[in-house]
């Protein structure tokens, strides 16, 4: 679902303080498609191991996440939206929804 967002640094809403990703194994044993910018609050609001914001299955078909990309799909939803993207009608966070839709068509 996160295809086409590789290398992106995007703002996103996090509306939680409970729960976190705890991993007993080394980071390379997990599929972590998205991370918080750094390990301290407010970037990593709950202290998840390896700054993990999202975790996926090995095949990429299952994704769990802490932040709320559904609350970040429009530029006006963001507290700050980059000036160099001021012509966007929809934020890049729409891409995971588009990818999920495409995946659903393949697996019908």
N, C-alpha and C. Protein backbone atom coordinates (compact mmCIF):
# COMPACT_ATOMS: atom_id res chain seq x y z
N UNK A 1 0.80 -1.20 0.00
CA UNK A 1 0.00 0.00 0.00
C UNK A 1 0.84 1.27 0.00
N UNK A 2 2.05 1.18 0.49
CA UNK A 2 2.89 2.37 0.60
C UNK A 2 3.77 2.60 -0.63
N UNK A 3 3.58 1.74 -1.65
CA UNK A 3 4.35 1.90 -2.88
C UNK A 3 4.15 3.32 -3.42
N UNK A 4 5.15 3.87 -4.02
CA UNK A 4 5.18 5.21 -4.59
C UNK A 4 5.42 6.30 -3.55
N UNK A 5 5.61 5.94 -2.29
CA UNK A 5 5.90 6.94 -1.27
C UNK A 5 7.32 6.76 -0.70
N UNK A 6 8.10 5.88 -1.32
CA UNK A 6 9.45 5.63 -0.85
C UNK A 6 10.23 6.92 -0.76
N UNK A 7 10.91 7.11 0.37
CA UNK A 7 11.74 8.29 0.56
C UNK A 7 11.00 9.56 0.92
N UNK A 8 9.69 9.51 1.01
CA UNK A 8 8.90 10.70 1.35
C UNK A 8 9.03 11.04 2.83
N UNK A 9 8.99 12.31 3.12
CA UNK A 9 8.89 12.79 4.49
C UNK A 9 7.64 13.64 4.54
N UNK A 10 6.58 13.08 5.13
CA UNK A 10 5.27 13.72 5.13
C UNK A 10 4.76 13.91 6.54
N UNK A 11 4.06 15.01 6.75
CA UNK A 11 3.37 15.20 8.02
C UNK A 11 2.15 14.30 8.07
N UNK A 12 1.74 13.96 9.28
CA UNK A 12 0.56 13.11 9.46
C UNK A 12 0.04 13.32 10.87
N UNK A 13 -1.26 13.18 11.04
CA UNK A 13 -1.86 13.31 12.35
C UNK A 13 -1.65 12.05 13.17
N UNK A 14 -1.30 12.24 14.42
CA UNK A 14 -1.22 11.14 15.37
C UNK A 14 -2.14 11.51 16.52
N UNK A 15 -3.15 10.72 16.76
CA UNK A 15 -4.14 11.02 17.80
C UNK A 15 -4.20 9.87 18.79
N UNK A 16 -3.06 9.57 19.34
CA UNK A 16 -3.01 8.48 20.31
C UNK A 16 -1.84 8.72 21.25
N UNK A 17 -1.86 8.06 22.33
CA UNK A 17 -0.75 8.09 23.25
C UNK A 17 -0.64 6.74 23.93
N UNK A 18 -1.55 5.88 23.56
CA UNK A 18 -1.59 4.54 24.14
C UNK A 18 -1.13 3.54 23.10
N UNK A 19 -0.65 2.44 23.58
CA UNK A 19 -0.20 1.40 22.66
C UNK A 19 1.06 1.82 21.95
N UNK A 20 1.83 0.86 21.58
CA UNK A 20 3.02 1.12 20.77
C UNK A 20 3.47 -0.19 20.16
N UNK A 21 4.32 -0.07 19.18
CA UNK A 21 4.90 -1.26 18.57
C UNK A 21 6.10 -1.68 19.42
N UNK A 22 6.06 -2.90 19.93
CA UNK A 22 7.17 -3.48 20.68
C UNK A 22 7.67 -4.68 19.88
N UNK A 23 8.96 -4.71 19.59
CA UNK A 23 9.53 -5.79 18.80
C UNK A 23 10.66 -6.47 19.57
N UNK A 24 10.54 -7.76 19.84
CA UNK A 24 11.59 -8.46 20.58
C UNK A 24 12.81 -8.82 19.71
N UNK A 25 12.65 -8.79 18.38
CA UNK A 25 13.74 -9.18 17.49
C UNK A 25 14.41 -7.95 16.88
N UNK A 26 15.49 -8.15 16.15
CA UNK A 26 16.17 -7.06 15.46
C UNK A 26 15.27 -6.46 14.38
N UNK A 27 15.49 -5.20 14.09
CA UNK A 27 14.66 -4.45 13.14
C UNK A 27 14.56 -5.14 11.78
N UNK A 28 15.63 -5.76 11.31
CA UNK A 28 15.62 -6.38 9.98
C UNK A 28 14.70 -7.59 9.90
N UNK A 29 14.11 -8.01 10.98
CA UNK A 29 13.17 -9.14 10.99
C UNK A 29 11.74 -8.68 10.70
N UNK A 30 11.53 -7.37 10.54
CA UNK A 30 10.19 -6.82 10.37
C UNK A 30 10.10 -5.98 9.10
N UNK A 31 8.91 -5.87 8.57
CA UNK A 31 8.63 -5.00 7.42
C UNK A 31 8.08 -3.69 7.98
N UNK A 32 8.90 -2.66 8.00
CA UNK A 32 8.51 -1.36 8.56
C UNK A 32 8.50 -0.34 7.42
N UNK A 33 7.32 -0.12 6.80
CA UNK A 33 7.27 0.78 5.65
C UNK A 33 7.27 2.27 6.00
N UNK A 34 6.99 2.62 7.25
CA UNK A 34 6.97 4.03 7.62
C UNK A 34 7.44 4.20 9.06
N UNK A 35 8.23 5.24 9.25
CA UNK A 35 8.77 5.53 10.58
C UNK A 35 8.52 6.98 10.94
N UNK A 36 8.51 7.23 12.24
CA UNK A 36 8.50 8.61 12.72
C UNK A 36 9.88 9.21 12.48
N UNK A 37 9.95 10.52 12.39
CA UNK A 37 11.20 11.21 12.05
C UNK A 37 12.33 10.95 13.04
N UNK A 38 12.01 10.94 14.30
CA UNK A 38 13.02 10.70 15.33
C UNK A 38 12.36 10.04 16.52
N UNK A 39 13.15 9.61 17.47
CA UNK A 39 12.68 8.73 18.53
C UNK A 39 12.01 9.42 19.70
N UNK A 40 12.03 10.71 19.77
CA UNK A 40 11.49 11.39 20.94
C UNK A 40 10.15 12.04 20.65
N UNK A 41 9.40 12.28 21.70
CA UNK A 41 8.14 13.01 21.61
C UNK A 41 8.44 14.42 21.11
N UNK A 42 7.67 15.01 20.23
CA UNK A 42 6.38 14.56 19.75
C UNK A 42 6.42 13.71 18.49
N UNK A 43 7.60 13.52 17.89
CA UNK A 43 7.66 12.76 16.65
C UNK A 43 7.21 11.33 16.84
N UNK A 44 7.69 10.66 17.83
CA UNK A 44 7.30 9.28 18.13
C UNK A 44 6.45 9.34 19.40
N UNK A 45 5.15 9.63 19.28
CA UNK A 45 4.34 9.99 20.45
C UNK A 45 4.18 8.89 21.50
N UNK A 46 4.41 7.65 21.13
CA UNK A 46 4.21 6.58 22.11
C UNK A 46 5.46 5.74 22.35
N UNK A 47 6.58 6.13 21.78
CA UNK A 47 7.83 5.42 22.01
C UNK A 47 7.95 4.07 21.32
N UNK A 48 7.34 3.90 20.17
CA UNK A 48 7.42 2.63 19.44
C UNK A 48 8.87 2.29 19.09
N UNK A 49 9.20 1.00 19.24
CA UNK A 49 10.54 0.52 18.87
C UNK A 49 10.84 0.87 17.41
N UNK A 50 12.08 1.21 17.15
CA UNK A 50 12.58 1.51 15.81
C UNK A 50 11.83 2.68 15.15
N UNK A 51 11.20 3.54 15.97
CA UNK A 51 10.41 4.69 15.46
C UNK A 51 9.30 4.24 14.53
N UNK A 52 8.78 3.05 14.72
CA UNK A 52 7.81 2.45 13.81
C UNK A 52 6.47 3.17 13.85
N UNK A 53 6.03 3.64 12.69
CA UNK A 53 4.71 4.23 12.54
C UNK A 53 3.76 3.25 11.86
N UNK A 54 4.31 2.40 10.98
CA UNK A 54 3.50 1.41 10.25
C UNK A 54 4.27 0.10 10.15
N UNK A 55 3.53 -0.98 10.09
CA UNK A 55 4.11 -2.32 9.99
C UNK A 55 3.31 -3.08 8.95
N UNK A 56 3.98 -3.84 8.11
CA UNK A 56 3.26 -4.58 7.08
C UNK A 56 3.64 -6.05 7.09
N UNK A 57 2.76 -6.86 6.50
CA UNK A 57 3.07 -8.27 6.31
C UNK A 57 4.16 -8.38 5.25
N UNK A 58 4.77 -9.53 5.16
CA UNK A 58 5.86 -9.73 4.19
C UNK A 58 5.41 -9.48 2.76
N UNK A 59 4.16 -9.82 2.43
CA UNK A 59 3.69 -9.62 1.05
C UNK A 59 3.12 -8.22 0.82
N UNK A 60 3.04 -7.41 1.87
CA UNK A 60 2.57 -6.04 1.73
C UNK A 60 1.07 -5.87 1.67
N UNK A 61 0.32 -6.96 1.79
CA UNK A 61 -1.14 -6.87 1.68
C UNK A 61 -1.82 -6.46 2.97
N UNK A 62 -1.12 -6.56 4.09
CA UNK A 62 -1.70 -6.20 5.38
C UNK A 62 -0.85 -5.11 6.01
N UNK A 63 -1.50 -4.05 6.44
CA UNK A 63 -0.80 -2.90 6.98
C UNK A 63 -1.48 -2.47 8.27
N UNK A 64 -0.69 -2.27 9.30
CA UNK A 64 -1.20 -1.68 10.54
C UNK A 64 -0.43 -0.39 10.77
N UNK A 65 -1.11 0.59 11.38
CA UNK A 65 -0.46 1.87 11.57
C UNK A 65 -0.97 2.55 12.82
N UNK A 66 -0.13 3.39 13.37
CA UNK A 66 -0.51 4.21 14.51
C UNK A 66 -1.06 5.56 14.06
N UNK A 67 -0.38 6.29 13.16
CA UNK A 67 -0.92 7.59 12.77
C UNK A 67 -2.16 7.44 11.89
N UNK A 68 -2.84 8.56 11.68
CA UNK A 68 -4.12 8.55 10.96
C UNK A 68 -3.99 9.19 9.59
N UNK A 69 -3.67 8.38 8.58
CA UNK A 69 -3.55 8.96 7.24
C UNK A 69 -4.90 9.37 6.69
N UNK A 70 -5.99 8.77 7.17
CA UNK A 70 -7.32 9.17 6.71
C UNK A 70 -7.66 10.60 7.14
N UNK A 71 -6.97 11.11 8.15
CA UNK A 71 -7.19 12.49 8.59
C UNK A 71 -6.23 13.46 7.93
N UNK A 72 -5.43 12.97 7.00
CA UNK A 72 -4.38 13.79 6.39
C UNK A 72 -4.45 13.80 4.87
N UNK A 73 -5.60 13.46 4.31
CA UNK A 73 -5.68 13.32 2.85
C UNK A 73 -5.82 14.64 2.09
N UNK A 74 -6.24 15.70 2.76
CA UNK A 74 -6.36 16.99 2.09
C UNK A 74 -5.38 17.98 2.71
N UNK A 75 -4.80 18.86 1.90
CA UNK A 75 -3.85 19.82 2.46
C UNK A 75 -4.44 20.66 3.60
N UNK A 76 -5.72 20.98 3.51
CA UNK A 76 -6.33 21.80 4.56
C UNK A 76 -6.51 21.04 5.87
N UNK A 77 -6.32 19.69 5.85
CA UNK A 77 -6.37 18.91 7.09
C UNK A 77 -5.09 19.06 7.91
N UNK A 78 -4.02 19.46 7.27
CA UNK A 78 -2.70 19.48 7.91
C UNK A 78 -2.53 20.76 8.73
N UNK A 79 -1.82 20.63 9.84
CA UNK A 79 -1.45 21.82 10.61
C UNK A 79 -0.45 22.68 9.83
N UNK A 80 0.42 22.04 9.08
CA UNK A 80 1.38 22.73 8.22
C UNK A 80 1.48 21.93 6.93
N UNK A 81 1.35 22.59 5.80
CA UNK A 81 1.51 21.94 4.51
C UNK A 81 2.63 22.64 3.77
N UNK A 82 3.57 21.91 3.18
CA UNK A 82 4.75 22.54 2.56
C UNK A 82 4.37 23.54 1.47
N UNK A 83 5.02 24.69 1.49
CA UNK A 83 4.75 25.74 0.50
C UNK A 83 4.99 25.28 -0.93
N UNK A 84 5.98 24.40 -1.13
CA UNK A 84 6.30 23.96 -2.49
C UNK A 84 5.25 23.00 -3.05
N UNK A 85 4.22 22.66 -2.27
CA UNK A 85 3.15 21.78 -2.74
C UNK A 85 1.81 22.50 -2.72
N UNK A 86 1.81 23.82 -2.78
CA UNK A 86 0.57 24.59 -2.61
C UNK A 86 -0.45 24.40 -3.72
N UNK A 87 -0.10 23.70 -4.80
CA UNK A 87 -1.08 23.45 -5.86
C UNK A 87 -1.80 22.10 -5.67
N UNK A 88 -1.42 21.33 -4.64
CA UNK A 88 -2.07 20.04 -4.40
C UNK A 88 -3.53 20.22 -3.98
N UNK A 89 -4.43 19.49 -4.62
CA UNK A 89 -5.81 19.44 -4.17
C UNK A 89 -6.01 18.32 -3.16
N UNK A 90 -5.21 17.27 -3.31
CA UNK A 90 -5.23 16.12 -2.41
C UNK A 90 -3.79 15.84 -2.02
N UNK A 91 -3.57 15.50 -0.76
CA UNK A 91 -2.20 15.26 -0.29
C UNK A 91 -1.70 13.91 -0.79
N UNK A 92 -0.40 13.67 -0.68
CA UNK A 92 0.15 12.37 -1.08
C UNK A 92 -0.40 11.20 -0.27
N UNK A 93 -1.05 11.46 0.86
CA UNK A 93 -1.60 10.36 1.66
C UNK A 93 -2.79 9.67 0.98
N UNK A 94 -3.23 10.17 -0.15
CA UNK A 94 -4.26 9.47 -0.92
C UNK A 94 -3.68 8.22 -1.60
N UNK A 95 -2.38 8.22 -1.82
CA UNK A 95 -1.72 7.12 -2.54
C UNK A 95 -1.95 5.76 -1.89
N UNK A 96 -1.84 5.60 -0.57
CA UNK A 96 -2.13 4.28 0.01
C UNK A 96 -3.56 3.80 -0.26
N UNK A 97 -4.52 4.72 -0.28
CA UNK A 97 -5.90 4.33 -0.58
C UNK A 97 -6.02 3.87 -2.04
N UNK A 98 -5.38 4.59 -2.94
CA UNK A 98 -5.39 4.20 -4.35
C UNK A 98 -4.73 2.84 -4.54
N UNK A 99 -3.60 2.62 -3.86
CA UNK A 99 -2.91 1.34 -3.96
C UNK A 99 -3.75 0.20 -3.39
N UNK A 100 -4.43 0.44 -2.28
CA UNK A 100 -5.30 -0.59 -1.69
C UNK A 100 -6.42 -0.95 -2.65
N UNK A 101 -6.98 0.05 -3.31
CA UNK A 101 -8.04 -0.21 -4.28
C UNK A 101 -7.52 -1.07 -5.44
N UNK A 102 -6.35 -0.72 -5.95
CA UNK A 102 -5.76 -1.50 -7.06
C UNK A 102 -5.48 -2.92 -6.62
N UNK A 103 -4.96 -3.11 -5.40
CA UNK A 103 -4.71 -4.45 -4.88
C UNK A 103 -6.01 -5.25 -4.75
N UNK A 104 -7.08 -4.59 -4.36
CA UNK A 104 -8.36 -5.30 -4.20
C UNK A 104 -8.87 -5.81 -5.55
N UNK A 105 -8.61 -5.08 -6.62
CA UNK A 105 -9.04 -5.51 -7.95
C UNK A 105 -8.26 -6.74 -8.42
N UNK A 106 -6.99 -6.80 -8.05
CA UNK A 106 -6.14 -7.92 -8.44
C UNK A 106 -6.59 -9.20 -7.75
N UNK A 107 -7.05 -9.08 -6.52
CA UNK A 107 -7.34 -10.25 -5.71
C UNK A 107 -8.82 -10.62 -5.66
N UNK A 108 -9.61 -10.09 -6.58
CA UNK A 108 -11.04 -10.44 -6.64
C UNK A 108 -11.22 -11.73 -7.39
